[in-house]
Amino acid sequence: PWVMRIAGGKTEKVSVTLGLRDPRTERVQIVSGVNQGDILLRGAAQGITPGTPVAVGGAK
């Protein structure tokens, strides 16, 4: 499996190792491949390709 991470204002595809899964909340633990503090894309970001320029905004 992989995730999209934002680094240097662009997206990059990163391989990850998954751990525990919670079927109730649909959350999945990532045990390796990213670091604490990395910004990951999720949900509606599925159509974004590696190298796409992005800007991080604040929560609304």
N, C-alpha and C. Protein backbone atom coordinates (compact mmCIF):
# COMPACT_ATOMS: atom_id res chain seq x y z
N PRO A 1 0.82 -1.20 0.00
CA PRO A 1 0.00 0.00 0.00
C PRO A 1 0.86 1.26 0.00
N TRP A 2 0.25 2.36 -0.36
CA TRP A 2 0.98 3.62 -0.42
C TRP A 2 0.06 4.78 -0.02
N VAL A 3 0.68 5.91 0.28
CA VAL A 3 -0.05 7.15 0.59
C VAL A 3 0.59 8.27 -0.20
N MET A 4 -0.13 9.39 -0.29
CA MET A 4 0.42 10.59 -0.91
C MET A 4 0.82 11.55 0.20
N ARG A 5 2.08 11.96 0.17
CA ARG A 5 2.63 12.87 1.18
C ARG A 5 2.97 14.19 0.50
N ILE A 6 2.82 15.29 1.24
CA ILE A 6 3.23 16.59 0.73
C ILE A 6 4.63 16.88 1.25
N ALA A 7 5.53 17.16 0.32
CA ALA A 7 6.92 17.48 0.67
C ALA A 7 7.43 18.52 -0.31
N GLY A 8 7.91 19.63 0.19
CA GLY A 8 8.45 20.67 -0.66
C GLY A 8 7.42 21.29 -1.59
N GLY A 9 6.15 21.33 -1.15
CA GLY A 9 5.10 21.94 -1.95
C GLY A 9 4.56 21.07 -3.07
N LYS A 10 4.97 19.80 -3.11
CA LYS A 10 4.48 18.86 -4.13
C LYS A 10 4.10 17.54 -3.47
N THR A 11 3.28 16.78 -4.19
CA THR A 11 2.89 15.47 -3.67
C THR A 11 3.92 14.42 -4.09
N GLU A 12 4.06 13.40 -3.24
CA GLU A 12 4.92 12.26 -3.57
C GLU A 12 4.26 10.99 -3.06
N LYS A 13 4.41 9.93 -3.83
CA LYS A 13 3.84 8.63 -3.48
C LYS A 13 4.85 7.89 -2.60
N VAL A 14 4.38 7.42 -1.43
CA VAL A 14 5.26 6.78 -0.45
C VAL A 14 4.70 5.41 -0.07
N SER A 15 5.52 4.37 -0.17
CA SER A 15 5.10 3.03 0.27
C SER A 15 5.05 2.99 1.79
N VAL A 16 4.02 2.34 2.33
CA VAL A 16 3.86 2.24 3.78
C VAL A 16 3.56 0.80 4.18
N THR A 17 3.80 0.52 5.46
CA THR A 17 3.42 -0.76 6.06
C THR A 17 2.27 -0.48 7.01
N LEU A 18 1.19 -1.24 6.87
CA LEU A 18 0.01 -1.03 7.71
C LEU A 18 0.03 -1.95 8.93
N GLY A 19 -0.60 -1.47 10.00
CA GLY A 19 -0.70 -2.24 11.24
C GLY A 19 -2.15 -2.51 11.57
N LEU A 20 -2.56 -2.08 12.75
CA LEU A 20 -3.90 -2.34 13.24
C LEU A 20 -4.96 -1.61 12.42
N ARG A 21 -6.14 -2.24 12.32
CA ARG A 21 -7.29 -1.64 11.64
C ARG A 21 -8.46 -1.63 12.59
N ASP A 22 -9.22 -0.54 12.56
CA ASP A 22 -10.44 -0.43 13.36
C ASP A 22 -11.62 -0.44 12.41
N PRO A 23 -12.35 -1.56 12.31
CA PRO A 23 -13.46 -1.63 11.36
C PRO A 23 -14.60 -0.68 11.70
N ARG A 24 -14.72 -0.30 12.95
CA ARG A 24 -15.79 0.62 13.36
C ARG A 24 -15.55 2.02 12.82
N THR A 25 -14.33 2.52 12.94
CA THR A 25 -14.02 3.88 12.50
C THR A 25 -13.35 3.92 11.12
N GLU A 26 -12.99 2.75 10.59
CA GLU A 26 -12.28 2.62 9.32
C GLU A 26 -10.91 3.28 9.34
N ARG A 27 -10.32 3.40 10.52
CA ARG A 27 -8.96 3.94 10.64
C ARG A 27 -7.96 2.80 10.53
N VAL A 28 -6.79 3.13 9.96
CA VAL A 28 -5.73 2.14 9.78
C VAL A 28 -4.43 2.74 10.30
N GLN A 29 -3.70 1.96 11.06
CA GLN A 29 -2.41 2.40 11.61
C GLN A 29 -1.33 2.23 10.54
N ILE A 30 -0.49 3.24 10.37
CA ILE A 30 0.68 3.15 9.50
C ILE A 30 1.89 2.93 10.41
N VAL A 31 2.56 1.79 10.26
CA VAL A 31 3.67 1.47 11.17
C VAL A 31 5.04 1.83 10.60
N SER A 32 5.14 2.02 9.29
CA SER A 32 6.41 2.48 8.73
C SER A 32 6.18 3.09 7.36
N GLY A 33 7.12 3.93 6.95
CA GLY A 33 7.07 4.57 5.64
C GLY A 33 6.90 6.07 5.70
N VAL A 34 6.31 6.58 6.79
CA VAL A 34 6.15 8.02 6.98
C VAL A 34 6.60 8.36 8.40
N ASN A 35 6.82 9.64 8.63
CA ASN A 35 7.28 10.10 9.94
C ASN A 35 6.20 10.93 10.62
N GLN A 36 6.25 10.97 11.94
CA GLN A 36 5.35 11.83 12.68
C GLN A 36 5.52 13.26 12.19
N GLY A 37 4.43 13.94 11.92
CA GLY A 37 4.48 15.30 11.43
C GLY A 37 4.37 15.42 9.92
N ASP A 38 4.55 14.31 9.18
CA ASP A 38 4.36 14.35 7.73
C ASP A 38 2.91 14.72 7.43
N ILE A 39 2.69 15.44 6.35
CA ILE A 39 1.33 15.81 5.94
C ILE A 39 0.92 14.86 4.82
N LEU A 40 -0.17 14.12 5.06
CA LEU A 40 -0.66 13.14 4.11
C LEU A 40 -1.99 13.59 3.52
N LEU A 41 -2.21 13.23 2.26
CA LEU A 41 -3.50 13.50 1.62
C LEU A 41 -4.42 12.32 1.88
N ARG A 42 -5.72 12.61 1.96
CA ARG A 42 -6.69 11.53 2.16
C ARG A 42 -8.02 11.91 1.54
N GLY A 43 -8.92 10.96 1.47
CA GLY A 43 -10.27 11.22 1.00
C GLY A 43 -10.34 11.69 -0.45
N ALA A 44 -10.84 12.90 -0.66
CA ALA A 44 -11.08 13.43 -2.00
C ALA A 44 -9.80 13.65 -2.80
N ALA A 45 -8.66 13.48 -2.21
CA ALA A 45 -7.38 13.70 -2.89
C ALA A 45 -6.96 12.50 -3.74
N GLN A 46 -7.82 11.52 -3.91
CA GLN A 46 -7.45 10.29 -4.60
C GLN A 46 -7.03 10.50 -6.05
N GLY A 47 -7.51 11.54 -6.73
CA GLY A 47 -7.17 11.75 -8.12
C GLY A 47 -5.87 12.52 -8.34
N ILE A 48 -5.19 12.90 -7.30
CA ILE A 48 -3.96 13.69 -7.42
C ILE A 48 -2.78 12.76 -7.71
N THR A 49 -1.93 13.17 -8.65
CA THR A 49 -0.79 12.34 -9.04
C THR A 49 0.50 12.86 -8.40
N PRO A 50 1.52 12.00 -8.28
CA PRO A 50 2.80 12.44 -7.72
C PRO A 50 3.36 13.62 -8.52
N GLY A 51 3.91 14.59 -7.79
CA GLY A 51 4.51 15.77 -8.42
C GLY A 51 3.55 16.94 -8.57
N THR A 52 2.28 16.74 -8.19
CA THR A 52 1.30 17.83 -8.29
C THR A 52 1.63 18.91 -7.26
N PRO A 53 1.74 20.17 -7.69
CA PRO A 53 1.97 21.25 -6.72
C PRO A 53 0.75 21.43 -5.82
N VAL A 54 0.98 21.61 -4.53
CA VAL A 54 -0.11 21.80 -3.57
C VAL A 54 0.27 22.88 -2.56
N ALA A 55 -0.74 23.48 -1.97
CA ALA A 55 -0.55 24.43 -0.87
C ALA A 55 -1.37 23.94 0.30
N VAL A 56 -0.80 23.97 1.49
CA VAL A 56 -1.49 23.50 2.68
C VAL A 56 -2.21 24.69 3.31
N GLY A 57 -3.52 24.52 3.55
CA GLY A 57 -4.31 25.57 4.18
C GLY A 57 -4.67 25.19 5.59
N GLY A 58 -5.20 26.13 6.34
CA GLY A 58 -5.61 25.88 7.72
C GLY A 58 -6.96 25.19 7.78
N ALA A 59 -7.26 24.59 8.92
CA ALA A 59 -8.55 23.92 9.14
C ALA A 59 -9.65 24.96 9.19
N LYS A 60 -10.83 24.57 8.71
CA LYS A 60 -11.99 25.48 8.72
C LYS A 60 -13.02 25.01 9.71
